[in-house]
Amino acid sequence: MNIGNKLRQLRIAKDLTQEELADRAELSKSFISQLERDLTSPSISTLVDILQCLGTTISAFFQEDTKEQVVFRDEDYFEKEETQLNNKTEWIIPNAQKNMMEPIRLTLGPGGSTYRDIPHEGEEFGYVLKGSIRLHIGNDVHLAKKGEAFYFIPNREHYIEAGSPSGAVIIWVSTPPSF
């Protein structure tokens, strides 16, 4: 971390000159200048005093700004193939289990299906990208083909199977995460 540059940015953001900051912190202007150019290092108590004059705390000053990832690409995905069910699940948002919803891309091969899922709280949404599917919810079966979506409350046993001979690809979103 470049302490001097960060101090300089804070000072400028507070619209203070080096001399004004030095006066408030009871330091010399040359010391502030040297700090900002990383030519010297402050003691912890001096840094705390300077930061107090700049309206922040030492913990906030050293807190790293972590950029939240917004766009995800193929190399970010995690996938799991289930050969006995002839399907592939791709978690297209890594670590989405910590989020409120969990989107996956599900590829069902010919005759492929998901495991039967027991009733649970939440909501489920899907969009068929390719082929068609049969969505089994309790004793009901719903057909959805390319370009169609589905949405349901998963309060009954449910699963999806490929509805076309070539299989299917869907985006499936569950909230809360359950995949």
Protein backbone atom coordinates (compact mmCIF):
# COMPACT_ATOMS: atom_id res chain seq x y z
CA MET A 1 0.00 0.00 0.00
CA ASN A 2 1.28 3.43 -0.90
CA ILE A 3 0.58 5.28 2.37
CA GLY A 4 1.87 8.63 1.17
CA ASN A 5 -0.28 8.71 -1.94
CA LYS A 6 -3.34 7.62 0.00
CA LEU A 7 -2.74 10.37 2.59
CA ARG A 8 -2.36 12.90 -0.22
CA GLN A 9 -5.64 11.78 -1.83
CA LEU A 10 -7.46 12.09 1.50
CA ARG A 11 -6.00 15.55 2.11
CA ILE A 12 -7.04 16.74 -1.35
CA ALA A 13 -10.50 15.23 -0.92
CA LYS A 14 -10.87 17.29 2.29
CA ASP A 15 -9.73 20.36 0.33
CA LEU A 16 -6.77 20.95 2.64
CA THR A 17 -3.31 22.23 1.78
CA GLN A 18 -0.26 20.50 3.23
CA GLU A 19 0.20 23.50 5.52
CA GLU A 20 -3.40 23.34 6.78
CA LEU A 21 -3.09 19.61 7.54
CA ALA A 22 0.27 20.18 9.24
CA ASP A 23 -1.24 22.92 11.45
CA ARG A 24 -4.19 20.73 12.45
CA ALA A 25 -1.93 17.76 13.25
CA GLU A 26 0.69 19.97 14.94
CA LEU A 27 3.36 18.85 12.48
CA SER A 28 5.56 20.65 9.98
CA LYS A 29 4.57 21.18 6.37
CA SER A 30 7.85 19.55 5.27
CA PHE A 31 7.01 16.42 7.28
CA ILE A 32 3.59 16.16 5.55
CA SER A 33 5.31 16.66 2.19
CA GLN A 34 7.84 13.91 2.96
CA LEU A 35 5.03 11.57 4.10
CA GLU A 36 3.08 12.12 0.89
CA ARG A 37 6.18 11.36 -1.19
CA ASP A 38 6.95 8.24 0.90
CA LEU A 39 10.32 9.69 1.97
CA THR A 40 9.54 9.08 5.62
CA SER A 41 7.17 6.96 7.67
CA PRO A 42 5.04 8.21 10.54
CA SER A 43 4.81 6.58 13.93
CA ILE A 44 1.47 4.92 14.59
CA SER A 45 0.42 7.68 16.98
CA THR A 46 1.34 10.35 14.41
CA LEU A 47 -0.57 8.50 11.68
CA VAL A 48 -3.60 8.23 13.97
CA ASP A 49 -3.42 12.00 14.61
CA ILE A 50 -3.16 12.78 10.87
CA LEU A 51 -6.04 10.46 10.03
CA GLN A 52 -8.17 12.00 12.75
CA CYS A 53 -7.53 15.42 11.17
CA LEU A 54 -8.61 13.91 7.84
CA GLY A 55 -11.84 12.56 9.36
CA THR A 56 -11.06 8.86 9.22
CA THR A 57 -9.74 6.02 11.37
CA ILE A 58 -6.70 3.83 11.02
CA SER A 59 -8.85 0.76 10.33
CA ALA A 60 -10.77 2.54 7.57
CA PHE A 61 -7.51 3.87 6.11
CA PHE A 62 -5.98 0.40 5.79
CA GLN A 63 -9.14 -1.32 4.64
CA GLU A 64 -8.58 -2.59 1.12
CA ASP A 65 -11.09 -1.64 -1.52
CA THR A 66 -12.14 -4.95 -3.00
CA LYS A 67 -13.74 -4.73 -6.39
CA GLU A 68 -16.79 -6.91 -6.68
CA GLN A 69 -16.75 -9.08 -9.76
CA VAL A 70 -19.71 -8.23 -11.98
CA VAL A 71 -18.98 -10.03 -15.26
CA PHE A 72 -18.21 -13.76 -15.29
CA ARG A 73 -16.67 -15.71 -18.16
CA ASP A 74 -16.21 -19.38 -19.07
CA GLU A 75 -12.95 -19.58 -17.09
CA ASP A 76 -14.82 -18.52 -13.92
CA TYR A 77 -17.40 -21.31 -14.17
CA PHE A 78 -17.31 -24.46 -12.11
CA GLU A 79 -18.85 -27.54 -13.68
CA LYS A 80 -19.92 -30.97 -12.55
CA GLU A 81 -20.86 -33.81 -14.88
CA GLU A 82 -23.20 -36.53 -13.69
CA THR A 83 -22.77 -39.31 -16.21
CA GLN A 84 -25.41 -41.57 -14.65
CA LEU A 85 -28.01 -38.82 -15.20
CA ASN A 86 -26.48 -37.64 -18.51
CA ASN A 87 -26.27 -34.01 -17.42
CA LYS A 88 -23.74 -31.27 -16.79
CA THR A 89 -24.26 -28.48 -14.27
CA GLU A 90 -22.27 -25.25 -14.62
CA TRP A 91 -22.24 -22.76 -11.79
CA ILE A 92 -22.03 -19.61 -13.91
CA ILE A 93 -21.67 -17.32 -10.88
CA PRO A 94 -18.90 -18.77 -8.68
CA ASN A 95 -19.68 -18.99 -4.95
CA ALA A 96 -23.29 -17.98 -5.59
CA GLN A 97 -24.33 -20.15 -2.65
CA LYS A 98 -23.59 -17.10 -0.47
CA ASN A 99 -25.97 -14.95 -2.52
CA MET A 100 -29.74 -14.79 -2.41
CA MET A 101 -30.07 -16.63 -5.72
CA GLU A 102 -27.98 -19.21 -7.53
CA PRO A 103 -28.06 -19.38 -11.31
CA ILE A 104 -26.73 -22.41 -13.15
CA ARG A 105 -26.56 -23.53 -16.76
CA LEU A 106 -27.84 -27.07 -17.01
CA THR A 107 -27.08 -29.20 -20.05
CA LEU A 108 -29.20 -32.34 -20.32
CA GLY A 109 -28.01 -34.93 -22.79
CA PRO A 110 -30.50 -37.16 -24.66
CA GLY A 111 -32.60 -38.83 -21.96
CA GLY A 112 -30.82 -36.76 -19.28
CA SER A 113 -32.42 -35.54 -16.08
CA THR A 114 -31.74 -33.98 -12.71
CA TYR A 115 -32.05 -35.71 -9.38
CA ARG A 116 -35.50 -35.66 -7.83
CA ASP A 117 -35.49 -32.73 -5.43
CA ILE A 118 -37.54 -32.82 -2.26
CA PRO A 119 -39.88 -29.94 -1.34
CA HIS A 120 -38.09 -26.90 0.04
CA GLU A 121 -38.63 -23.21 0.62
CA GLY A 122 -37.91 -20.67 -2.07
CA GLU A 123 -38.60 -20.10 -5.73
CA GLU A 124 -37.25 -21.59 -8.95
CA PHE A 125 -37.03 -20.04 -12.38
CA GLY A 126 -35.68 -21.37 -15.64
CA TYR A 127 -35.30 -20.43 -19.28
CA VAL A 128 -34.83 -22.99 -22.06
CA LEU A 129 -31.93 -22.02 -24.32
CA LYS A 130 -31.93 -25.13 -26.50
CA GLY A 131 -34.20 -28.15 -27.03
CA SER A 132 -37.12 -28.82 -24.72
CA ILE A 133 -37.66 -30.11 -21.20
CA ARG A 134 -40.27 -31.87 -19.14
CA LEU A 135 -40.61 -30.25 -15.74
CA HIS A 136 -42.04 -32.67 -13.16
CA ILE A 137 -43.65 -31.01 -10.13
CA GLY A 138 -45.41 -33.53 -7.92
CA ASN A 139 -47.71 -35.51 -10.25
CA ASP A 140 -47.84 -32.73 -12.88
CA VAL A 141 -45.65 -32.61 -15.98
CA HIS A 142 -45.05 -29.35 -17.85
CA LEU A 143 -43.39 -29.08 -21.25
CA ALA A 144 -41.17 -26.06 -22.04
CA LYS A 145 -39.26 -25.58 -25.27
CA LYS A 146 -36.56 -23.23 -26.55
CA GLY A 147 -37.43 -19.61 -25.78
CA GLU A 148 -39.88 -20.48 -23.01
CA ALA A 149 -39.48 -19.96 -19.27
CA PHE A 150 -40.78 -21.66 -16.15
CA TYR A 151 -41.31 -20.50 -12.60
CA PHE A 152 -42.63 -22.40 -9.58
CA ILE A 153 -42.63 -22.67 -5.81
CA PRO A 154 -40.75 -25.91 -4.99
CA ASN A 155 -43.23 -27.15 -2.38
CA ARG A 156 -43.49 -30.60 -4.00
CA GLU A 157 -40.95 -33.10 -5.26
CA HIS A 158 -39.61 -31.88 -8.61
CA TYR A 159 -37.07 -32.64 -11.32
CA ILE A 160 -36.32 -31.85 -14.95
CA GLU A 161 -35.69 -34.18 -17.84
CA ALA A 162 -34.75 -33.61 -21.45
CA GLY A 163 -37.86 -33.46 -23.61
CA SER A 164 -36.21 -33.57 -27.02
CA PRO A 165 -34.07 -36.33 -28.56
CA SER A 166 -31.05 -34.02 -28.78
CA GLY A 167 -31.24 -32.95 -25.11
CA ALA A 168 -31.66 -29.45 -23.72
CA VAL A 169 -29.80 -26.50 -22.24
CA ILE A 170 -31.43 -24.26 -19.64
CA ILE A 171 -30.57 -21.43 -17.30
CA TRP A 172 -31.97 -22.37 -13.90
CA VAL A 173 -32.13 -19.96 -10.96
CA SER A 174 -32.97 -21.05 -7.44
CA THR A 175 -33.55 -18.84 -4.45
CA PRO A 176 -32.36 -19.47 -1.85
CA PRO A 177 -29.42 -21.40 -3.35
CA SER A 178 -29.99 -25.14 -3.36
CA PHE A 179 -27.86 -26.59 -6.15
